């Protein structure tokens, strides 16, 4: 296994804006995820796209914990990173 310069890295900054996917919205509304992941998803479902920093403030979790949760939710296709105009339009 060598270095792959084309691999997408899981870099999450506190100013990154994230939002629920349709799958994430469905899971949040069905309460099918529990614990801290659900808390993050509930905030995103209620408020719409937020920065990692805002999610930390809303959920009273540390930024590093929120980043870890977001990485997991992105991998499970419940949350996606919002880029450019998507983030500004919210």
PDB file of N, CA and C in Angstrom:
ATOM      1  N   UNK A   1       0.841  -1.174   0.000  1.00  0.00           N
ATOM      2  CA  UNK A   1       0.000   0.000   0.000  1.00  0.00           C
ATOM      3  C   UNK A   1       0.885   1.235   0.000  1.00  0.00           C
ATOM      4  N   UNK A   2       0.872   2.021  -1.057  1.00  0.00           N
ATOM      5  CA  UNK A   2       1.717   3.199  -1.163  1.00  0.00           C
ATOM      6  C   UNK A   2       0.926   4.488  -1.004  1.00  0.00           C
ATOM      7  N   UNK A   3       1.624   5.583  -1.168  1.00  0.00           N
ATOM      8  CA  UNK A   3       1.008   6.901  -1.081  1.00  0.00           C
ATOM      9  C   UNK A   3       0.157   7.133  -2.315  1.00  0.00           C
ATOM     10  N   UNK A   4      -1.056   7.565  -2.143  1.00  0.00           N
ATOM     11  CA  UNK A   4      -1.950   7.856  -3.253  1.00  0.00           C
ATOM     12  C   UNK A   4      -2.290   9.346  -3.221  1.00  0.00           C
ATOM     13  N   UNK A   5      -1.715  10.149  -4.119  1.00  0.00           N
ATOM     14  CA  UNK A   5      -1.968  11.591  -4.090  1.00  0.00           C
ATOM     15  C   UNK A   5      -3.398  11.963  -4.481  1.00  0.00           C
ATOM     16  N   UNK A   6      -4.159  11.024  -5.022  1.00  0.00           N
ATOM     17  CA  UNK A   6      -5.524  11.313  -5.451  1.00  0.00           C
ATOM     18  C   UNK A   6      -6.573  10.906  -4.426  1.00  0.00           C
ATOM     19  N   UNK A   7      -6.137  10.310  -3.321  1.00  0.00           N
ATOM     20  CA  UNK A   7      -7.076   9.884  -2.285  1.00  0.00           C
ATOM     21  C   UNK A   7      -7.645  11.110  -1.583  1.00  0.00           C
ATOM     22  N   UNK A   8      -8.938  11.104  -1.395  1.00  0.00           N
ATOM     23  CA  UNK A   8      -9.597  12.191  -0.694  1.00  0.00           C
ATOM     24  C   UNK A   8      -9.343  12.026   0.807  1.00  0.00           C
ATOM     25  N   UNK A   9      -8.776  13.030   1.423  1.00  0.00           N
ATOM     26  CA  UNK A   9      -8.458  12.957   2.851  1.00  0.00           C
ATOM     27  C   UNK A   9      -9.609  13.505   3.693  1.00  0.00           C
ATOM     28  N   UNK A  10      -9.759  12.948   4.882  1.00  0.00           N
ATOM     29  CA  UNK A  10     -10.796  13.399   5.812  1.00  0.00           C
ATOM     30  C   UNK A  10     -10.292  14.596   6.615  1.00  0.00           C
ATOM     31  N   UNK A  11     -10.222  15.761   5.985  1.00  0.00           N
ATOM     32  CA  UNK A  11      -9.787  16.960   6.683  1.00  0.00           C
ATOM     33  C   UNK A  11     -11.037  17.735   7.062  1.00  0.00           C
ATOM     34  N   UNK A  12     -11.201  17.969   8.348  1.00  0.00           N
ATOM     35  CA  UNK A  12     -12.382  18.677   8.847  1.00  0.00           C
ATOM     36  C   UNK A  12     -11.908  19.863   9.664  1.00  0.00           C
ATOM     37  N   UNK A  13     -12.279  21.074   9.239  1.00  0.00           N
ATOM     38  CA  UNK A  13     -11.911  22.271   9.997  1.00  0.00           C
ATOM     39  C   UNK A  13     -13.139  22.789  10.744  1.00  0.00           C
ATOM     40  N   UNK A  14     -12.902  23.594  11.769  1.00  0.00           N
ATOM     41  CA  UNK A  14     -14.012  24.086  12.587  1.00  0.00           C
ATOM     42  C   UNK A  14     -14.893  25.080  11.848  1.00  0.00           C
ATOM     43  N   UNK A  15     -14.397  25.647  10.737  1.00  0.00           N
ATOM     44  CA  UNK A  15     -15.197  26.593   9.953  1.00  0.00           C
ATOM     45  C   UNK A  15     -15.923  25.923   8.788  1.00  0.00           C
ATOM     46  N   UNK A  16     -15.717  24.618   8.605  1.00  0.00           N
ATOM     47  CA  UNK A  16     -16.356  23.879   7.537  1.00  0.00           C
ATOM     48  C   UNK A  16     -17.870  23.818   7.790  1.00  0.00           C
ATOM     49  N   UNK A  17     -18.652  24.019   6.738  1.00  0.00           N
ATOM     50  CA  UNK A  17     -20.106  23.961   6.848  1.00  0.00           C
ATOM     51  C   UNK A  17     -20.578  22.583   6.408  1.00  0.00           C
ATOM     52  N   UNK A  18     -21.405  21.960   7.250  1.00  0.00           N
ATOM     53  CA  UNK A  18     -21.934  20.637   6.942  1.00  0.00           C
ATOM     54  C   UNK A  18     -23.456  20.658   7.029  1.00  0.00           C
ATOM     55  N   UNK A  19     -24.088  19.762   6.293  1.00  0.00           N
ATOM     56  CA  UNK A  19     -25.540  19.642   6.308  1.00  0.00           C
ATOM     57  C   UNK A  19     -25.942  18.194   6.145  1.00  0.00           C
ATOM     58  N   UNK A  20     -27.189  17.918   6.452  1.00  0.00           N
ATOM     59  CA  UNK A  20     -27.708  16.557   6.328  1.00  0.00           C
ATOM     60  C   UNK A  20     -27.947  16.195   4.870  1.00  0.00           C
ATOM     61  N   UNK A  21     -27.724  14.952   4.543  1.00  0.00           N
ATOM     62  CA  UNK A  21     -28.149  14.405   3.250  1.00  0.00           C
ATOM     63  C   UNK A  21     -29.606  13.982   3.425  1.00  0.00           C
ATOM     64  N   UNK A  22     -30.246  13.542   2.355  1.00  0.00           N
ATOM     65  CA  UNK A  22     -31.625  13.064   2.491  1.00  0.00           C
ATOM     66  C   UNK A  22     -31.675  11.841   3.410  1.00  0.00           C
ATOM     67  N   UNK A  23     -30.654  10.983   3.342  1.00  0.00           N
ATOM     68  CA  UNK A  23     -30.587   9.825   4.238  1.00  0.00           C
ATOM     69  C   UNK A  23     -30.437  10.288   5.686  1.00  0.00           C
ATOM     70  N   UNK A  24     -29.586  11.271   5.921  1.00  0.00           N
ATOM     71  CA  UNK A  24     -29.390  11.793   7.266  1.00  0.00           C
ATOM     72  C   UNK A  24     -30.655  12.417   7.820  1.00  0.00           C
ATOM     73  N   UNK A  25     -31.362  13.165   6.981  1.00  0.00           N
ATOM     74  CA  UNK A  25     -32.627  13.792   7.405  1.00  0.00           C
ATOM     75  C   UNK A  25     -33.638  12.719   7.800  1.00  0.00           C
ATOM     76  N   UNK A  26     -33.720  11.675   6.988  1.00  0.00           N
ATOM     77  CA  UNK A  26     -34.639  10.573   7.274  1.00  0.00           C
ATOM     78  C   UNK A  26     -34.284   9.924   8.610  1.00  0.00           C
ATOM     79  N   UNK A  27     -32.990   9.631   8.820  1.00  0.00           N
ATOM     80  CA  UNK A  27     -32.566   8.987  10.064  1.00  0.00           C
ATOM     81  C   UNK A  27     -32.802   9.884  11.270  1.00  0.00           C
ATOM     82  N   UNK A  28     -32.580  11.192  11.117  1.00  0.00           N
ATOM     83  CA  UNK A  28     -32.804  12.131  12.221  1.00  0.00           C
ATOM     84  C   UNK A  28     -34.289  12.176  12.584  1.00  0.00           C
ATOM     85  N   UNK A  29     -35.149  12.197  11.579  1.00  0.00           N
ATOM     86  CA  UNK A  29     -36.588  12.279  11.831  1.00  0.00           C
ATOM     87  C   UNK A  29     -37.158  10.978  12.371  1.00  0.00           C
ATOM     88  N   UNK A  30     -36.496   9.848  12.072  1.00  0.00           N
ATOM     89  CA  UNK A  30     -36.959   8.545  12.572  1.00  0.00           C
ATOM     90  C   UNK A  30     -36.292   8.163  13.897  1.00  0.00           C
ATOM     91  N   UNK A  31     -35.389   9.032  14.373  1.00  0.00           N
ATOM     92  CA  UNK A  31     -34.641   8.754  15.613  1.00  0.00           C
ATOM     93  C   UNK A  31     -33.918   7.417  15.529  1.00  0.00           C
ATOM     94  N   UNK A  32     -33.389   7.077  14.334  1.00  0.00           N
ATOM     95  CA  UNK A  32     -32.746   5.775  14.165  1.00  0.00           C
ATOM     96  C   UNK A  32     -31.265   5.779  14.547  1.00  0.00           C
ATOM     97  N   UNK A  33     -30.744   6.922  14.948  1.00  0.00           N
ATOM     98  CA  UNK A  33     -29.377   7.024  15.465  1.00  0.00           C
ATOM     99  C   UNK A  33     -29.488   7.632  16.859  1.00  0.00           C
ATOM    100  N   UNK A  34     -28.653   7.169  17.777  1.00  0.00           N
ATOM    101  CA  UNK A  34     -28.740   7.655  19.152  1.00  0.00           C
ATOM    102  C   UNK A  34     -27.426   8.282  19.603  1.00  0.00           C
ATOM    103  N   UNK A  35     -27.456   8.856  20.790  1.00  0.00           N
ATOM    104  CA  UNK A  35     -26.246   9.399  21.399  1.00  0.00           C
ATOM    105  C   UNK A  35     -25.771  10.683  20.749  1.00  0.00           C
ATOM    106  N   UNK A  36     -24.470  10.959  20.845  1.00  0.00           N
ATOM    107  CA  UNK A  36     -23.905  12.202  20.312  1.00  0.00           C
ATOM    108  C   UNK A  36     -24.134  12.388  18.813  1.00  0.00           C
ATOM    109  N   UNK A  37     -24.117  11.286  18.056  1.00  0.00           N
ATOM    110  CA  UNK A  37     -24.383  11.400  16.613  1.00  0.00           C
ATOM    111  C   UNK A  37     -25.779  11.954  16.385  1.00  0.00           C
ATOM    112  N   UNK A  38     -26.748  11.463  17.172  1.00  0.00           N
ATOM    113  CA  UNK A  38     -28.109  11.965  17.015  1.00  0.00           C
ATOM    114  C   UNK A  38     -28.182  13.444  17.388  1.00  0.00           C
ATOM    115  N   UNK A  39     -27.491  13.842  18.466  1.00  0.00           N
ATOM    116  CA  UNK A  39     -27.511  15.250  18.877  1.00  0.00           C
ATOM    117  C   UNK A  39     -27.042  16.155  17.733  1.00  0.00           C
ATOM    118  N   UNK A  40     -25.949  15.770  17.074  1.00  0.00           N
ATOM    119  CA  UNK A  40     -25.425  16.545  15.957  1.00  0.00           C
ATOM    120  C   UNK A  40     -26.435  16.563  14.812  1.00  0.00           C
ATOM    121  N   UNK A  41     -26.998  15.410  14.496  1.00  0.00           N
ATOM    122  CA  UNK A  41     -27.969  15.334  13.403  1.00  0.00           C
ATOM    123  C   UNK A  41     -29.243  16.116  13.723  1.00  0.00           C
ATOM    124  N   UNK A  42     -29.669  16.105  14.974  1.00  0.00           N
ATOM    125  CA  UNK A  42     -30.877  16.842  15.369  1.00  0.00           C
ATOM    126  C   UNK A  42     -30.673  18.341  15.177  1.00  0.00           C
ATOM    127  N   UNK A  43     -29.497  18.841  15.535  1.00  0.00           N
ATOM    128  CA  UNK A  43     -29.202  20.264  15.337  1.00  0.00           C
ATOM    129  C   UNK A  43     -29.218  20.591  13.850  1.00  0.00           C
ATOM    130  N   UNK A  44     -28.582  19.766  13.043  1.00  0.00           N
ATOM    131  CA  UNK A  44     -28.564  20.006  11.598  1.00  0.00           C
ATOM    132  C   UNK A  44     -29.966  19.922  11.005  1.00  0.00           C
ATOM    133  N   UNK A  45     -30.791  19.026  11.514  1.00  0.00           N
ATOM    134  CA  UNK A  45     -32.158  18.886  11.019  1.00  0.00           C
ATOM    135  C   UNK A  45     -32.994  20.113  11.395  1.00  0.00           C
ATOM    136  N   UNK A  46     -32.772  20.623  12.582  1.00  0.00           N
ATOM    137  CA  UNK A  46     -33.550  21.765  13.073  1.00  0.00           C
ATOM    138  C   UNK A  46     -33.071  23.089  12.477  1.00  0.00           C
ATOM    139  N   UNK A  47     -31.749  23.301  12.459  1.00  0.00           N
ATOM    140  CA  UNK A  47     -31.184  24.588  12.047  1.00  0.00           C
ATOM    141  C   UNK A  47     -30.739  24.647  10.607  1.00  0.00           C
ATOM    142  N   UNK A  48     -30.533  23.488   9.983  1.00  0.00           N
ATOM    143  CA  UNK A  48     -29.954  23.480   8.648  1.00  0.00           C
ATOM    144  C   UNK A  48     -28.437  23.452   8.747  1.00  0.00           C
ATOM    145  N   UNK A  49     -27.755  23.661   7.634  1.00  0.00           N
ATOM    146  CA  UNK A  49     -26.298  23.582   7.629  1.00  0.00           C
ATOM    147  C   UNK A  49     -25.660  24.508   8.673  1.00  0.00           C
ATOM    148  N   UNK A  50     -24.609  23.989   9.321  1.00  0.00           N
ATOM    149  CA  UNK A  50     -23.891  24.715  10.372  1.00  0.00           C
ATOM    150  C   UNK A  50     -22.403  24.454  10.221  1.00  0.00           C
ATOM    151  N   UNK A  51     -21.609  25.324  10.848  1.00  0.00           N
ATOM    152  CA  UNK A  51     -20.177  25.047  10.919  1.00  0.00           C
ATOM    153  C   UNK A  51     -19.943  24.055  12.054  1.00  0.00           C
ATOM    154  N   UNK A  52     -18.771  23.443  12.055  1.00  0.00           N
ATOM    155  CA  UNK A  52     -18.388  22.517  13.128  1.00  0.00           C
ATOM    156  C   UNK A  52     -18.404  23.277  14.461  1.00  0.00           C
ATOM    157  N   UNK A  53     -17.918  24.506  14.421  1.00  0.00           N
ATOM    158  CA  UNK A  53     -17.867  25.348  15.623  1.00  0.00           C
ATOM    159  C   UNK A  53     -19.282  25.580  16.178  1.00  0.00           C
ATOM    160  N   UNK A  54     -20.222  25.914  15.307  1.00  0.00           N
ATOM    161  CA  UNK A  54     -21.615  26.129  15.738  1.00  0.00           C
ATOM    162  C   UNK A  54     -22.212  24.852  16.318  1.00  0.00           C
ATOM    163  N   UNK A  55     -21.916  23.716  15.692  1.00  0.00           N
ATOM    164  CA  UNK A  55     -22.426  22.440  16.204  1.00  0.00           C
ATOM    165  C   UNK A  55     -21.884  22.162  17.602  1.00  0.00           C
ATOM    166  N   UNK A  56     -20.615  22.465  17.810  1.00  0.00           N
ATOM    167  CA  UNK A  56     -20.016  22.294  19.131  1.00  0.00           C
ATOM    168  C   UNK A  56     -20.706  23.147  20.175  1.00  0.00           C
ATOM    169  N   UNK A  57     -21.010  24.392  19.815  1.00  0.00           N
ATOM    170  CA  UNK A  57     -21.693  25.299  20.743  1.00  0.00           C
ATOM    171  C   UNK A  57     -23.115  24.818  21.037  1.00  0.00           C
ATOM    172  N   UNK A  58     -23.827  24.412  19.987  1.00  0.00           N
ATOM    173  CA  UNK A  58     -25.219  23.962  20.149  1.00  0.00           C
ATOM    174  C   UNK A  58     -25.333  22.676  20.968  1.00  0.00           C
ATOM    175  N   UNK A  59     -24.402  21.754  20.742  1.00  0.00           N
ATOM    176  CA  UNK A  59     -24.479  20.451  21.409  1.00  0.00           C
ATOM    177  C   UNK A  59     -23.684  20.415  22.710  1.00  0.00           C
ATOM    178  N   UNK A  60     -22.925  21.487  22.973  1.00  0.00           N
ATOM    179  CA  UNK A  60     -22.043  21.572  24.153  1.00  0.00           C
ATOM    180  C   UNK A  60     -20.995  20.464  24.163  1.00  0.00           C
ATOM    181  N   UNK A  61     -20.529  20.131  22.963  1.00  0.00           N
ATOM    182  CA  UNK A  61     -19.449  19.156  22.799  1.00  0.00           C
ATOM    183  C   UNK A  61     -18.218  19.920  22.326  1.00  0.00           C
ATOM    184  N   UNK A  62     -17.062  19.376  22.618  1.00  0.00           N
ATOM    185  CA  UNK A  62     -15.821  19.963  22.131  1.00  0.00           C
ATOM    186  C   UNK A  62     -15.724  19.849  20.619  1.00  0.00           C
ATOM    187  N   UNK A  63     -15.007  20.787  20.021  1.00  0.00           N
ATOM    188  CA  UNK A  63     -14.845  20.794  18.574  1.00  0.00           C
ATOM    189  C   UNK A  63     -14.226  19.497  18.063  1.00  0.00           C
ATOM    190  N   UNK A  64     -13.241  18.973  18.791  1.00  0.00           N
ATOM    191  CA  UNK A  64     -12.592  17.738  18.317  1.00  0.00           C
ATOM    192  C   UNK A  64     -13.576  16.564  18.320  1.00  0.00           C
ATOM    193  N   UNK A  65     -14.474  16.514  19.304  1.00  0.00           N
ATOM    194  CA  UNK A  65     -15.478  15.441  19.342  1.00  0.00           C
ATOM    195  C   UNK A  65     -16.460  15.605  18.180  1.00  0.00           C
ATOM    196  N   UNK A  66     -16.881  16.845  17.915  1.00  0.00           N
ATOM    197  CA  UNK A  66     -17.806  17.089  16.809  1.00  0.00           C
ATOM    198  C   UNK A  66     -17.150  16.716  15.478  1.00  0.00           C
ATOM    199  N   UNK A  67     -15.866  17.058  15.311  1.00  0.00           N
ATOM    200  CA  UNK A  67     -15.152  16.695  14.081  1.00  0.00           C
ATOM    201  C   UNK A  67     -15.141  15.185  13.890  1.00  0.00           C
ATOM    202  N   UNK A  68     -14.876  14.455  14.966  1.00  0.00           N
ATOM    203  CA  UNK A  68     -14.851  12.993  14.905  1.00  0.00           C
ATOM    204  C   UNK A  68     -16.223  12.456  14.490  1.00  0.00           C
ATOM    205  N   UNK A  69     -17.275  12.995  15.079  1.00  0.00           N
ATOM    206  CA  UNK A  69     -18.649  12.566  14.763  1.00  0.00           C
ATOM    207  C   UNK A  69     -18.980  12.889  13.307  1.00  0.00           C
ATOM    208  N   UNK A  70     -18.614  14.092  12.858  1.00  0.00           N
ATOM    209  CA  UNK A  70     -18.904  14.496  11.482  1.00  0.00           C
ATOM    210  C   UNK A  70     -18.200  13.573  10.492  1.00  0.00           C
ATOM    211  N   UNK A  71     -16.939  13.227  10.753  1.00  0.00           N
ATOM    212  CA  UNK A  71     -16.221  12.304   9.863  1.00  0.00           C
ATOM    213  C   UNK A  71     -16.979  10.995   9.740  1.00  0.00           C
ATOM    214  N   UNK A  72     -17.468  10.491  10.861  1.00  0.00           N
ATOM    215  CA  UNK A  72     -18.213   9.234  10.859  1.00  0.00           C
ATOM    216  C   UNK A  72     -19.526   9.374  10.089  1.00  0.00           C
ATOM    217  N   UNK A  73     -20.228  10.485  10.297  1.00  0.00           N
ATOM    218  CA  UNK A  73     -21.510  10.707   9.614  1.00  0.00           C
ATOM    219  C   UNK A  73     -21.325  10.924   8.115  1.00  0.00           C
ATOM    220  N   UNK A  74     -20.206  11.537   7.721  1.00  0.00           N
ATOM    221  CA  UNK A  74     -19.914  11.703   6.295  1.00  0.00           C
ATOM    222  C   UNK A  74     -19.666  10.335   5.659  1.00  0.00           C
ATOM    223  N   UNK A  75     -18.895   9.492   6.350  1.00  0.00           N
ATOM    224  CA  UNK A  75     -18.615   8.147   5.824  1.00  0.00           C
ATOM    225  C   UNK A  75     -19.898   7.327   5.689  1.00  0.00           C
ATOM    226  N   UNK A  76     -20.846   7.525   6.602  1.00  0.00           N
ATOM    227  CA  UNK A  76     -22.104   6.769   6.533  1.00  0.00           C
ATOM    228  C   UNK A  76     -23.145   7.464   5.655  1.00  0.00           C
ATOM    229  N   UNK A  77     -22.729   8.528   4.961  1.00  0.00           N
ATOM    230  CA  UNK A  77     -23.552   9.266   4.002  1.00  0.00           C
ATOM    231  C   UNK A  77     -24.769   9.943   4.620  1.00  0.00           C
ATOM    232  N   UNK A  78     -24.678  10.290   5.903  1.00  0.00           N
ATOM    233  CA  UNK A  78     -25.766  11.016   6.563  1.00  0.00           C
ATOM    234  C   UNK A  78     -25.537  12.521   6.535  1.00  0.00           C
ATOM    235  N   UNK A  79     -24.283  12.921   6.402  1.00  0.00           N
ATOM    236  CA  UNK A  79     -23.907  14.342   6.399  1.00  0.00           C
ATOM    237  C   UNK A  79     -22.974  14.574   5.236  1.00  0.00           C
ATOM    238  N   UNK A  80     -23.054  15.768   4.645  1.00  0.00           N
ATOM    239  CA  UNK A  80     -22.111  16.117   3.585  1.00  0.00           C
ATOM    240  C   UNK A  80     -21.576  17.521   3.832  1.00  0.00           C
ATOM    241  N   UNK A  81     -20.397  17.746   3.307  1.00  0.00           N
ATOM    242  CA  UNK A  81     -19.768  19.061   3.402  1.00  0.00           C
ATOM    243  C   UNK A  81     -20.418  19.954   2.362  1.00  0.00           C
ATOM    244  N   UNK A  82     -20.791  21.144   2.782  1.00  0.00           N
ATOM    245  CA  UNK A  82     -21.409  22.104   1.871  1.00  0.00           C
ATOM    246  C   UNK A  82     -20.315  23.021   1.356  1.00  0.00           C
ATOM    247  N   UNK A  83     -20.276  23.232   0.085  1.00  0.00           N
ATOM    248  CA  UNK A  83     -19.219  24.053  -0.506  1.00  0.00           C
ATOM    249  C   UNK A  83     -19.802  25.263  -1.240  1.00  0.00           C
ATOM    250  N   UNK A  84     -19.013  26.300  -1.330  1.00  0.00           N
ATOM    251  CA  UNK A  84     -19.349  27.469  -2.137  1.00  0.00           C
ATOM    252  C   UNK A  84     -20.706  28.069  -1.845  1.00  0.00           C
ATOM    253  N   UNK A  85     -21.515  28.228  -2.894  1.00  0.00           N
ATOM    254  CA  UNK A  85     -22.796  28.885  -2.779  1.00  0.00           C
ATOM    255  C   UNK A  85     -23.791  28.129  -1.916  1.00  0.00           C
ATOM    256  N   UNK A  86     -23.650  26.789  -1.851  1.00  0.00           N
ATOM    257  CA  UNK A  86     -24.536  25.991  -0.989  1.00  0.00           C
ATOM    258  C   UNK A  86     -24.465  26.489   0.443  1.00  0.00           C
ATOM    259  N   UNK A  87     -23.248  26.714   0.936  1.00  0.00           N
ATOM    260  CA  UNK A  87     -23.036  27.139   2.309  1.00  0.00           C
ATOM    261  C   UNK A  87     -23.523  28.556   2.530  1.00  0.00           C
ATOM    262  N   UNK A  88     -23.347  29.428   1.543  1.00  0.00           N
ATOM    263  CA  UNK A  88     -23.739  30.823   1.671  1.00  0.00           C
ATOM    264  C   UNK A  88     -25.262  30.975   1.598  1.00  0.00           C
ATOM    265  N   UNK A  89     -25.914  30.131   0.834  1.00  0.00           N
ATOM    266  CA  UNK A  89     -27.352  30.231   0.620  1.00  0.00           C
ATOM    267  C   UNK A  89     -28.180  29.860   1.839  1.00  0.00           C
ATOM    268  N   UNK A  90     -27.561  29.282   2.834  1.00  0.00           N
ATOM    269  CA  UNK A  90     -28.337  28.826   3.994  1.00  0.00           C
ATOM    270  C   UNK A  90     -28.437  29.857   5.073  1.00  0.00           C
TER     271      UNK A  90
END
